[in-house]
C-alpha atoms as a PDB file:
ATOM      1  CA  MET A   1      -0.151  -0.018   0.121  1.00  0.00           C
ATOM      2  CA  ALA A   2       1.170   3.774  -0.841  1.00  0.00           C
ATOM      3  CA  ASN A   3       2.446   5.868   2.042  1.00  0.00           C
ATOM      4  CA  SER A   4       0.401   7.812   3.569  1.00  0.00           C
ATOM      5  CA  LEU A   5       0.073  11.580   2.533  1.00  0.00           C
ATOM      6  CA  THR A   6       0.411  14.438   4.902  1.00  0.00           C
ATOM      7  CA  TYR A   7      -2.350  17.444   4.167  1.00  0.00           C
ATOM      8  CA  PRO A   8      -2.574  20.035   4.454  1.00  0.00           C
ATOM      9  CA  VAL A   9       1.047  20.911   3.774  1.00  0.00           C
ATOM     10  CA  PRO A  10       2.898  23.019   6.792  1.00  0.00           C
ATOM     11  CA  ALA A  11       3.293  26.728   5.688  1.00  0.00           C
ATOM     12  CA  ILE A  12       6.649  27.881   4.686  1.00  0.00           C
ATOM     13  CA  THR A  13       8.353  29.057   8.050  1.00  0.00           C
ATOM     14  CA  GLY A  14      11.688  30.858   8.851  1.00  0.00           C
ATOM     15  CA  THR A  15      11.586  33.674   6.376  1.00  0.00           C
ATOM     16  CA  GLU A  16       9.585  36.046   7.907  1.00  0.00           C
ATOM     17  CA  ASN A  17      12.401  38.262   9.115  1.00  0.00           C
ATOM     18  CA  LEU A  18      14.240  38.204   5.383  1.00  0.00           C
ATOM     19  CA  SER A  19      15.071  41.817   4.297  1.00  0.00           C
ATOM     20  CA  ALA A  20      14.075  42.940   0.705  1.00  0.00           C
ATOM     21  CA  GLU A  21      18.077  42.286  -0.369  1.00  0.00           C
ATOM     22  CA  GLN A  22      17.613  38.346   0.787  1.00  0.00           C
ATOM     23  CA  ILE A  23      14.611  38.186  -1.356  1.00  0.00           C
ATOM     24  CA  HIS A  24      15.875  39.078  -4.155  1.00  0.00           C
ATOM     25  CA  GLN A  25      18.758  36.699  -3.436  1.00  0.00           C
ATOM     26  CA  LEU A  26      15.983  34.103  -2.760  1.00  0.00           C
ATOM     27  CA  LEU A  27      14.610  34.651  -6.270  1.00  0.00           C
ATOM     28  CA  LEU A  28      17.836  34.462  -8.332  1.00  0.00           C
ATOM     29  CA  SER A  29      18.450  31.222  -6.642  1.00  0.00           C
ATOM     30  CA  LYS A  30      16.503  28.583  -8.991  1.00  0.00           C
ATOM     31  CA  SER A  31      17.382  25.927  -6.079  1.00  0.00           C
ATOM     32  CA  ALA A  32      15.634  28.041  -3.773  1.00  0.00           C
ATOM     33  CA  VAL A  33      12.862  28.484  -5.294  1.00  0.00           C
ATOM     34  CA  ALA A  34      12.499  24.905  -6.717  1.00  0.00           C
ATOM     35  CA  ARG A  35      12.926  23.488  -3.066  1.00  0.00           C
ATOM     36  CA  ARG A  36      10.150  25.897  -1.849  1.00  0.00           C
ATOM     37  CA  VAL A  37       7.828  24.957  -4.554  1.00  0.00           C
ATOM     38  CA  ARG A  38       8.314  21.061  -3.743  1.00  0.00           C
ATOM     39  CA  THR A  39       7.385  21.700   0.003  1.00  0.00           C
ATOM     40  CA  LEU A  40       4.261  23.310  -1.316  1.00  0.00           C
ATOM     41  CA  ALA A  41       3.179  20.537  -4.155  1.00  0.00           C
ATOM     42  CA  ASP A  42       4.652  17.541  -2.353  1.00  0.00           C
ATOM     43  CA  GLN A  43       1.770  15.337  -1.078  1.00  0.00           C
ATOM     44  CA  ARG A  44      -0.810  17.418  -2.864  1.00  0.00           C
ATOM     45  CA  PHE A  45      -1.585  15.871  -6.192  1.00  0.00           C
ATOM     46  CA  ILE A  46      -4.367  13.413  -5.621  1.00  0.00           C
ATOM     47  CA  SER A  47      -3.864  12.081  -9.009  1.00  0.00           C
ATOM     48  CA  ASP A  48      -0.045  10.679  -8.167  1.00  0.00           C
ATOM     49  CA  ALA A  49      -1.671   8.806  -5.414  1.00  0.00           C
ATOM     50  CA  LEU A  50      -4.107   7.111  -7.597  1.00  0.00           C
ATOM     51  CA  LEU A  51      -2.084   6.892 -10.547  1.00  0.00           C
ATOM     52  CA  THR A  52       1.180   5.311  -8.912  1.00  0.00           C
ATOM     53  CA  GLY A  53       3.045   4.024 -12.041  1.00  0.00           C
ATOM     54  CA  GLN A  54       5.557   6.569 -13.346  1.00  0.00           C
ATOM     55  CA  TYR A  55       6.113   6.340 -16.786  1.00  0.00           C
ATOM     56  CA  ARG A  56       8.886   8.160 -18.486  1.00  0.00           C
ATOM     57  CA  THR A  57       9.092   9.743 -22.040  1.00  0.00           C
ATOM     58  CA  GLU A  58      11.700  11.557 -23.876  1.00  0.00           C
ATOM     59  CA  GLY A  59       9.808  11.843 -27.106  1.00  0.00           C
ATOM     60  CA  GLY A  60       6.397  13.831 -26.498  1.00  0.00           C
ATOM     61  CA  ALA A  61       4.560  10.585 -26.294  1.00  0.00           C
ATOM     62  CA  ILE A  62       4.495   7.629 -24.553  1.00  0.00           C
ATOM     63  CA  LEU A  63       3.496   3.498 -25.624  1.00  0.00           C
ATOM     64  CA  TYR A  64       1.551   1.566 -23.165  1.00  0.00           C
ATOM     65  CA  GLU A  65      -0.316  -1.976 -22.638  1.00  0.00           C
ATOM     66  CA  THR A  66      -3.843  -1.829 -21.804  1.00  0.00           C
ATOM     67  CA  GLY A  67      -5.726  -5.022 -20.034  1.00  0.00           C
ATOM     68  CA  GLU A  68      -2.638  -6.825 -19.144  1.00  0.00           C
ATOM     69  CA  PRO A  69      -3.596  -9.614 -16.852  1.00  0.00           C
ATOM     70  CA  ILE A  70      -1.823  -9.883 -13.668  1.00  0.00           C
ATOM     71  CA  PHE A  71      -1.956 -13.716 -13.354  1.00  0.00           C
ATOM     72  CA  PRO A  72      -0.403 -16.063 -15.691  1.00  0.00           C
ATOM     73  CA  GLU A  73      -2.254 -18.638 -17.547  1.00  0.00           C
ATOM     74  CA  GLY A  74      -0.915 -21.490 -15.740  1.00  0.00           C
ATOM     75  CA  ASP A  75      -0.176 -22.151 -12.334  1.00  0.00           C
ATOM     76  CA  PRO A  76       3.283 -23.638 -11.147  1.00  0.00           C
ATOM     77  CA  GLU A  77       4.196 -26.945 -11.772  1.00  0.00           C
ATOM     78  CA  VAL A  78       5.753 -29.993  -9.808  1.00  0.00           C
ATOM     79  CA  ILE A  79       9.203 -30.159 -10.856  1.00  0.00           C
ATOM     80  CA  ALA A  80      11.397 -33.573 -10.704  1.00  0.00           C
ATOM     81  CA  PRO A  81      14.518 -33.699  -9.162  1.00  0.00           C
ATOM     82  CA  GLY A  82      17.062 -32.687 -12.141  1.00  0.00           C
ATOM     83  CA  GLY A  83      13.866 -31.742 -14.273  1.00  0.00           C
ATOM     84  CA  GLU A  84      13.593 -28.961 -16.309  1.00  0.00           C
ATOM     85  CA  TYR A  85      11.078 -25.843 -15.371  1.00  0.00           C
ATOM     86  CA  PRO A  86       8.164 -25.565 -17.995  1.00  0.00           C
ATOM     87  CA  LEU A  87       8.229 -22.006 -19.477  1.00  0.00           C
ATOM     88  CA  GLU A  88       5.508 -19.727 -19.982  1.00  0.00           C
ATOM     89  CA  GLN A  89       5.109 -16.738 -22.317  1.00  0.00           C
ATOM     90  CA  ILE A  90       3.745 -13.605 -20.649  1.00  0.00           C
ATOM     91  CA  THR A  91       0.614 -12.225 -22.035  1.00  0.00           C
ATOM     92  CA  THR A  92       0.867  -8.606 -22.983  1.00  0.00           C
ATOM     93  CA  GLY A  93      -2.216  -6.178 -23.561  1.00  0.00           C
ATOM     94  CA  GLU A  94      -3.228  -4.028 -26.260  1.00  0.00           C
ATOM     95  CA  LEU A  95      -0.889  -1.305 -27.317  1.00  0.00           C
ATOM     96  CA  ALA A  96      -2.095   2.161 -26.904  1.00  0.00           C
ATOM     97  CA  ALA A  97      -0.490   5.561 -27.118  1.00  0.00           C
ATOM     98  CA  ALA A  98      -0.785   8.912 -25.137  1.00  0.00           C
ATOM     99  CA  LYS A  99       0.792  12.494 -26.026  1.00  0.00           C
ATOM    100  CA  VAL A 100       2.301  14.416 -23.294  1.00  0.00           C
ATOM    101  CA  ASP A 101       1.103  18.089 -23.096  1.00  0.00           C
ATOM    102  CA  LYS A 102       3.175  20.949 -21.653  1.00  0.00           C
ATOM    103  CA  TRP A 103       1.072  22.816 -19.118  1.00  0.00           C
ATOM    104  CA  GLY A 104       2.230  26.154 -17.092  1.00  0.00           C
ATOM    105  CA  LYS A 105       1.870  29.550 -16.251  1.00  0.00           C
ATOM    106  CA  ASP A 106       4.077  32.718 -15.574  1.00  0.00           C
ATOM    107  CA  TYR A 107       3.222  34.618 -12.486  1.00  0.00           C
ATOM    108  CA  PRO A 108       4.399  38.190 -11.899  1.00  0.00           C
ATOM    109  CA  ILE A 109       6.349  39.725  -8.503  1.00  0.00           C
ATOM    110  CA  THR A 110       7.089  43.222  -8.597  1.00  0.00           C
ATOM    111  CA  ASP A 111      10.082  45.248  -6.729  1.00  0.00           C
ATOM    112  CA  GLU A 112       7.362  47.563  -5.074  1.00  0.00           C
ATOM    113  CA  SER A 113       5.504  44.499  -3.848  1.00  0.00           C
ATOM    114  CA  ILE A 114       8.818  42.866  -2.282  1.00  0.00           C
ATOM    115  CA  LYS A 115       9.987  46.140  -0.458  1.00  0.00           C
ATOM    116  CA  ARG A 116       6.698  46.884   0.960  1.00  0.00           C
ATOM    117  CA  ARG A 117       5.331  43.365   2.011  1.00  0.00           C
ATOM    118  CA  GLY A 118       8.418  41.370   2.525  1.00  0.00           C
ATOM    119  CA  ILE A 119       8.409  37.516   1.513  1.00  0.00           C
ATOM    120  CA  ASP A 120       4.590  37.501   1.684  1.00  0.00           C
ATOM    121  CA  PRO A 121       4.000  37.945  -2.243  1.00  0.00           C
ATOM    122  CA  VAL A 122       6.619  35.526  -3.005  1.00  0.00           C
ATOM    123  CA  ASN A 123       4.968  32.706  -0.402  1.00  0.00           C
ATOM    124  CA  LYS A 124       1.378  33.856  -2.128  1.00  0.00           C
ATOM    125  CA  THR A 125       2.393  33.844  -5.569  1.00  0.00           C
ATOM    126  CA  LEU A 126       4.112  30.180  -5.260  1.00  0.00           C
ATOM    127  CA  THR A 127       1.329  29.096  -3.316  1.00  0.00           C
ATOM    128  CA  ARG A 128      -1.357  30.185  -6.108  1.00  0.00           C
ATOM    129  CA  ALA A 129       0.891  28.657  -8.867  1.00  0.00           C
ATOM    130  CA  VAL A 130       1.057  25.449  -7.345  1.00  0.00           C
ATOM    131  CA  ASN A 131      -2.539  25.238  -6.489  1.00  0.00           C
ATOM    132  CA  GLY A 132      -3.408  26.010 -10.089  1.00  0.00           C
ATOM    133  CA  MET A 133      -1.007  23.143 -10.848  1.00  0.00           C
ATOM    134  CA  VAL A 134      -2.675  20.886  -8.783  1.00  0.00           C
ATOM    135  CA  ARG A 135      -5.967  21.827  -9.819  1.00  0.00           C
ATOM    136  CA  HIS A 136      -5.672  21.394 -13.360  1.00  0.00           C
ATOM    137  CA  THR A 137      -3.652  18.004 -13.012  1.00  0.00           C
ATOM    138  CA  ASP A 138      -5.947  16.198 -10.695  1.00  0.00           C
ATOM    139  CA  GLY A 139      -9.079  17.711 -12.661  1.00  0.00           C
ATOM    140  CA  THR A 140      -7.541  16.304 -15.837  1.00  0.00           C
ATOM    141  CA  SER A 141      -6.586  13.135 -14.270  1.00  0.00           C
ATOM    142  CA  LEU A 142      -9.576  12.446 -11.939  1.00  0.00           C
ATOM    143  CA  GLY A 143     -11.592  13.091 -15.289  1.00  0.00           C
ATOM    144  CA  VAL A 144      -9.720  10.179 -17.187  1.00  0.00           C
ATOM    145  CA  ILE A 145     -10.079   7.973 -14.437  1.00  0.00           C
ATOM    146  CA  ALA A 146     -13.870   8.297 -14.274  1.00  0.00           C
ATOM    147  CA  SER A 147     -14.611   8.208 -18.049  1.00  0.00           C
ATOM    148  CA  LYS A 148     -12.376   5.018 -17.851  1.00  0.00           C
ATOM    149  CA  VAL A 149     -13.750   3.326 -14.651  1.00  0.00           C
ATOM    150  CA  THR A 150     -17.163   2.013 -15.500  1.00  0.00           C
ATOM    151  CA  ALA A 151     -17.578  -1.162 -13.004  1.00  0.00           C
ATOM    152  CA  THR A 152     -19.949  -0.321  -9.954  1.00  0.00           C
ATOM    153  CA  SER A 153     -20.859  -1.689  -6.766  1.00  0.00           C
ATOM    154  CA  ALA A 154     -24.250  -1.456  -5.424  1.00  0.00           C
ATOM    155  CA  ALA A 155     -23.979  -0.004  -1.721  1.00  0.00           C
ATOM    156  CA  SER A 156     -25.503  -2.145   0.912  1.00  0.00           C
ATOM    157  CA  ALA A 157     -27.573   0.522   2.588  1.00  0.00           C
ATOM    158  CA  GLY A 158     -27.375   4.393   2.933  1.00  0.00           C
ATOM    159  CA  TRP A 159     -24.046   5.763   4.364  1.00  0.00           C
ATOM    160  CA  THR A 160     -25.657   7.004   7.679  1.00  0.00           C
ATOM    161  CA  THR A 161     -23.934   4.637   9.745  1.00  0.00           C
ATOM    162  CA  ALA A 162     -20.191   3.233   9.653  1.00  0.00           C
ATOM    163  CA  SER A 163     -21.480  -0.310   9.693  1.00  0.00           C
ATOM    164  CA  ALA A 164     -23.374   0.522   6.694  1.00  0.00           C
ATOM    165  CA  ILE A 165     -20.114   1.876   4.924  1.00  0.00           C
ATOM    166  CA  ALA A 166     -18.284  -0.899   6.171  1.00  0.00           C
ATOM    167  CA  ARG A 167     -20.255  -3.294   4.671  1.00  0.00           C
ATOM    168  CA  SER A 168     -20.459  -1.691   1.313  1.00  0.00           C
ATOM    169  CA  VAL A 169     -16.951  -0.980   1.120  1.00  0.00           C
ATOM    170  CA  GLU A 170     -15.912  -4.821   2.222  1.00  0.00           C
ATOM    171  CA  LEU A 171     -18.619  -6.186  -0.646  1.00  0.00           C
ATOM    172  CA  ALA A 172     -16.758  -4.059  -3.181  1.00  0.00           C
ATOM    173  CA  LYS A 173     -13.814  -5.144  -2.231  1.00  0.00           C
ATOM    174  CA  ALA A 174     -14.447  -8.894  -2.039  1.00  0.00           C
ATOM    175  CA  ARG A 175     -16.332  -8.285  -5.510  1.00  0.00           C
ATOM    176  CA  GLY A 176     -12.962  -6.955  -7.365  1.00  0.00           C
ATOM    177  CA  GLU A 177     -11.044  -9.997  -5.546  1.00  0.00           C
ATOM    178  CA  GLU A 178     -13.473 -12.476  -6.820  1.00  0.00           C
ATOM    179  CA  SER A 179     -14.028 -11.119 -10.414  1.00  0.00           C
ATOM    180  CA  GLY A 180     -10.925 -13.021 -11.663  1.00  0.00           C
ATOM    181  CA  GLU A 181      -8.995  -9.822 -12.279  1.00  0.00           C
ATOM    182  CA  GLY A 182      -7.337 -10.250  -9.064  1.00  0.00           C
ATOM    183  CA  HIS A 183      -7.431  -6.913  -8.029  1.00  0.00           C
ATOM    184  CA  VAL A 184      -6.922  -5.772  -4.110  1.00  0.00           C
ATOM    185  CA  PHE A 185      -8.539  -2.347  -3.824  1.00  0.00           C
ATOM    186  CA  ASP A 186      -6.573  -0.398  -1.499  1.00  0.00           C
ATOM    187  CA  THR A 187      -7.420   3.260  -1.863  1.00  0.00           C
ATOM    188  CA  ILE A 188     -11.049   5.185  -1.716  1.00  0.00           C
ATOM    189  CA  VAL A 189     -11.436   8.694  -2.992  1.00  0.00           C
ATOM    190  CA  LEU A 190     -14.172  10.914  -2.011  1.00  0.00           C
ATOM    191  CA  THR A 191     -15.682  14.403  -2.459  1.00  0.00           C
ATOM    192  CA  PRO A 192     -14.506  16.638   0.497  1.00  0.00           C
ATOM    193  CA  THR A 193     -18.137  16.974   2.051  1.00  0.00           C
ATOM    194  CA  ASN A 194     -18.642  13.207   1.583  1.00  0.00           C
ATOM    195  CA  TYR A 195     -15.285  12.780   3.284  1.00  0.00           C
ATOM    196  CA  ALA A 196     -16.242  14.943   6.262  1.00  0.00           C
ATOM    197  CA  THR A 197     -19.261  12.713   6.662  1.00  0.00           C
ATOM    198  CA  VAL A 198     -17.749   9.468   6.492  1.00  0.00           C
ATOM    199  CA  MET A 199     -14.725  10.305   8.927  1.00  0.00           C
ATOM    200  CA  SER A 200     -17.335  11.822  11.145  1.00  0.00           C
ATOM    201  CA  LEU A 201     -19.185   8.533  11.408  1.00  0.00           C
ATOM    202  CA  PHE A 202     -15.904   6.694  11.441  1.00  0.00           C
ATOM    203  CA  LEU A 203     -15.145   8.831  14.797  1.00  0.00           C
ATOM    204  CA  ASP A 204     -18.198   7.968  16.389  1.00  0.00           C
ATOM    205  CA  ALA A 205     -17.935   4.378  16.101  1.00  0.00           C
ATOM    206  CA  GLY A 206     -14.521   4.486  17.301  1.00  0.00           C
ATOM    207  CA  LEU A 207     -12.989   3.321  13.973  1.00  0.00           C
ATOM    208  CA  LEU A 208     -10.181   6.087  13.861  1.00  0.00           C
ATOM    209  CA  PRO A 209      -7.050   6.161  16.608  1.00  0.00           C
ATOM    210  CA  ARG A 210      -7.339   8.452  19.375  1.00  0.00           C
ATOM    211  CA  GLU A 211      -5.591  11.518  20.217  1.00  0.00           C
ATOM    212  CA  ALA A 212      -2.193  11.982  18.840  1.00  0.00           C
ATOM    213  CA  ALA A 213      -2.558   9.169  16.107  1.00  0.00           C
ATOM    214  CA  ASN A 214      -6.139  10.576  14.900  1.00  0.00           C
ATOM    215  CA  PRO A 215      -5.823  11.615  11.372  1.00  0.00           C
ATOM    216  CA  LEU A 216      -8.316  14.443  12.041  1.00  0.00           C
ATOM    217  CA  ILE A 217      -5.676  15.967  14.352  1.00  0.00           C
ATOM    218  CA  THR A 218      -2.446  14.938  12.320  1.00  0.00           C
ATOM    219  CA  GLY A 219      -3.920  15.851   9.148  1.00  0.00           C
ATOM    220  CA  ARG A 220      -2.541  12.243   7.671  1.00  0.00           C
ATOM    221  CA  TRP A 221      -4.540  10.317   5.562  1.00  0.00           C
ATOM    222  CA  PRO A 222      -6.733   7.528   7.208  1.00  0.00           C
ATOM    223  CA  GLU A 223      -6.404   3.765   6.816  1.00  0.00           C
ATOM    224  CA  VAL A 224      -9.597   2.588   7.849  1.00  0.00           C
ATOM    225  CA  LEU A 225     -10.844  -1.064   6.754  1.00  0.00           C
ATOM    226  CA  ASP A 226      -7.446  -1.670   5.481  1.00  0.00           C
ATOM    227  CA  MET A 227      -8.148   1.077   2.828  1.00  0.00           C
ATOM    228  CA  ARG A 228      -6.271   4.671   2.272  1.00  0.00           C
ATOM    229  CA  TRP A 229      -9.330   6.995   2.276  1.00  0.00           C
ATOM    230  CA  LEU A 230      -8.457  10.430   0.294  1.00  0.00           C
ATOM    231  CA  ARG A 231     -10.511  13.625  -0.871  1.00  0.00           C
ATOM    232  CA  SER A 232     -10.272  16.188  -3.590  1.00  0.00           C
ATOM    233  CA  ALA A 233     -12.400  19.020  -4.727  1.00  0.00           C
ATOM    234  CA  HIS A 234     -11.607  17.622  -8.332  1.00  0.00           C
ATOM    235  CA  VAL A 235     -13.797  14.516  -7.998  1.00  0.00           C
ATOM    236  CA  PRO A 236     -15.716  14.421 -11.313  1.00  0.00           C
ATOM    237  CA  THR A 237     -18.630  11.736  -9.335  1.00  0.00           C
ATOM    238  CA  SER A 238     -20.201  11.991  -5.973  1.00  0.00           C
ATOM    239  CA  ALA A 239     -20.092   8.059  -5.778  1.00  0.00           C
ATOM    240  CA  PRO A 240     -17.116   6.885  -3.885  1.00  0.00           C
ATOM    241  CA  MET A 241     -14.177   5.387  -6.306  1.00  0.00           C
ATOM    242  CA  LEU A 242     -12.272   2.571  -5.138  1.00  0.00           C
ATOM    243  CA  VAL A 243      -8.793   1.683  -6.837  1.00  0.00           C
ATOM    244  CA  ASP A 244      -5.983  -0.753  -7.092  1.00  0.00           C
ATOM    245  CA  SER A 245      -3.337   2.048  -6.875  1.00  0.00           C
ATOM    246  CA  ASP A 246      -0.833  -0.557  -8.195  1.00  0.00           C
ATOM    247  CA  GLU A 247      -2.731  -1.379 -11.089  1.00  0.00           C
ATOM    248  CA  LEU A 248      -4.847   1.381 -12.335  1.00  0.00           C
ATOM    249  CA  GLY A 249      -2.470   3.208 -14.434  1.00  0.00           C
ATOM    250  CA  GLY A 250       0.290   6.286 -14.025  1.00  0.00           C
ATOM    251  CA  MET A 251       1.330   9.362 -14.818  1.00  0.00           C
ATOM    252  CA  ALA A 252       3.779   9.528 -17.886  1.00  0.00           C
ATOM    253  CA  ASN A 253       6.276  12.614 -17.136  1.00  0.00           C
ATOM    254  CA  GLU A 254       8.867  14.614 -19.286  1.00  0.00           C
ATOM    255  CA  ASN A 255      11.178  16.778 -17.488  1.00  0.00           C
ATOM    256  CA  LEU A 256      12.302  19.039 -20.358  1.00  0.00           C
ATOM    257  CA  GLY A 257      15.112  20.950 -18.629  1.00  0.00           C
ATOM    258  CA  GLY A 258      16.569  24.017 -20.408  1.00  0.00           C
ATOM    259  CA  PRO A 259      18.591  27.089 -18.814  1.00  0.00           C
ATOM    260  CA  GLY A 260      17.245  28.168 -15.884  1.00  0.00           C
ATOM    261  CA  TYR A 261      15.092  25.272 -14.906  1.00  0.00           C
ATOM    262  CA  ALA A 262      15.271  23.414 -11.942  1.00  0.00           C
ATOM    263  CA  SER A 263      13.035  20.414 -10.868  1.00  0.00           C
ATOM    264  CA  ALA A 264      10.728  20.751  -8.091  1.00  0.00           C
ATOM    265  CA  GLY A 265       9.520  17.314  -7.691  1.00  0.00           C
ATOM    266  CA  ARG A 266       6.382  15.517  -8.605  1.00  0.00           C
ATOM    267  CA  SER A 267       7.858  16.287 -12.627  1.00  0.00           C
ATOM    268  CA  ILE A 268       7.234  20.064 -12.034  1.00  0.00           C
ATOM    269  CA  GLU A 269       9.707  22.400 -13.219  1.00  0.00           C
ATOM    270  CA  THR A 270      10.208  26.134 -12.117  1.00  0.00           C
ATOM    271  CA  LYS A 271      12.212  28.978 -13.417  1.00  0.00           C
ATOM    272  CA  VAL A 272      12.532  32.510 -12.208  1.00  0.00           C
ATOM    273  CA  ILE A 273      12.851  35.460 -14.799  1.00  0.00           C
ATOM    274  CA  ARG A 274      14.250  38.819 -14.018  1.00  0.00           C
ATOM    275  CA  ASP A 275      12.290  41.397 -16.020  1.00  0.00           C
ATOM    276  CA  ASP A 276      14.397  44.391 -15.676  1.00  0.00           C
ATOM    277  CA  LYS A 277      11.962  46.426 -18.200  1.00  0.00           C
ATOM    278  CA  THR A 278       9.098  46.217 -15.689  1.00  0.00           C
ATOM    279  CA  ASP A 279      11.020  45.972 -12.070  1.00  0.00           C
ATOM    280  CA  SER A 280       9.654  42.643 -11.743  1.00  0.00           C
ATOM    281  CA  TYR A 281      10.127  38.896 -11.802  1.00  0.00           C
ATOM    282  CA  LEU A 282       8.295  35.996 -13.643  1.00  0.00           C
ATOM    283  CA  VAL A 283       7.957  33.088 -11.994  1.00  0.00           C
ATOM    284  CA  ARG A 284       7.267  30.020 -14.150  1.00  0.00           C
ATOM    285  CA  VAL A 285       5.857  26.711 -13.166  1.00  0.00           C
ATOM    286  CA  ARG A 286       5.317  24.044 -15.797  1.00  0.00           C
ATOM    287  CA  ARG A 287       4.436  20.306 -15.659  1.00  0.00           C
ATOM    288  CA  VAL A 288       4.562  17.918 -19.102  1.00  0.00           C
ATOM    289  CA  SER A 289       2.480  15.018 -18.273  1.00  0.00           C
ATOM    290  CA  VAL A 290      -0.564  12.713 -19.077  1.00  0.00           C
ATOM    291  CA  ALA A 291      -2.862  10.551 -17.010  1.00  0.00           C
ATOM    292  CA  VAL A 292      -2.837   6.733 -18.406  1.00  0.00           C
ATOM    293  CA  VAL A 293      -5.080   4.695 -17.269  1.00  0.00           C
ATOM    294  CA  THR A 294      -3.876   1.141 -18.105  1.00  0.00           C
ATOM    295  CA  ASP A 295      -6.683  -0.908 -16.644  1.00  0.00           C
ATOM    296  CA  PRO A 296     -10.039   0.208 -16.236  1.00  0.00           C
ATOM    297  CA  SER A 297     -10.978  -2.833 -14.192  1.00  0.00           C
ATOM    298  CA  ALA A 298      -8.760  -1.783 -11.379  1.00  0.00           C
ATOM    299  CA  GLY A 299     -11.346   1.106 -10.031  1.00  0.00           C
ATOM    300  CA  VAL A 300     -15.018   0.505  -9.167  1.00  0.00           C
ATOM    301  CA  LEU A 301     -17.671   3.074  -7.874  1.00  0.00           C
ATOM    302  CA  ILE A 302     -20.048   2.698  -5.312  1.00  0.00           C
ATOM    303  CA  THR A 303     -23.607   3.625  -6.088  1.00  0.00           C
ATOM    304  CA  GLY A 304     -26.802   4.286  -3.931  1.00  0.00           C
ATOM    305  CA  THR A 305     -24.780   5.425  -0.791  1.00  0.00           C
ATOM    306  CA  GLY A 306     -26.818   8.566  -0.311  1.00  0.00           C
ATOM    307  CA  LEU A 307     -24.239  10.747  -0.104  1.00  0.00           C
END
């Protein structure tokens, strides 16, 4: 199961008393800006949590296989002493292609704002840039997932009690394991409102750890019913979605590089451009990627929850 995510990301600290000259030096350091963007972006992309495969491309497109089985056709066989092992060819899926696109935007920071407001315009600009990238990437990726995942599992009852939620989720997991595809659903994603409802029911039922380990206090994604529970405002459906994050697909990313660019993690690249004509900086944030769903059967929607 994938590692837990931290949300919300802690605010940047330790820079409140920087002078204007120090802030200018910070903006001229591509590694410093990249680290700040990495701190903000780390753990925020739901798409990277659901599509855990990381596909690299160097030519602007990616070739991938869809519908590839996760089980071999035959079972292991008894091998006599000194005998040869039987050979089985690995079956591959249908070949498909996807084109990566470059998404990005420039954000200005003026000398006046730095002199009068200190580090505040820098922090707000970087936060806004990351939020915009997350909104676009997650919105696009979740839309692709929703268009591919068509399997449904009916809820055992309306999600008004923790026991009804548990039964619905366990039934959906069981159907996935018994379908012949062999999927083990490990992650469920909800809208923020539905997430709040479910967590409050889990809290009342005593299914969440207490005190210091309580995910509602720590901000970590909770693991309940052997599932990691995520929320996103960009989920295109109100129906809870269960996925096998190891098999659903991945993000095809391409790091373009280039003079002045620095990697900020999550395949985000940053660049700060000084514009002396306008006494300002342009902070550029870009990501070259595309969401790829390789196995739509690795997801299922729970219908009839009443959420």
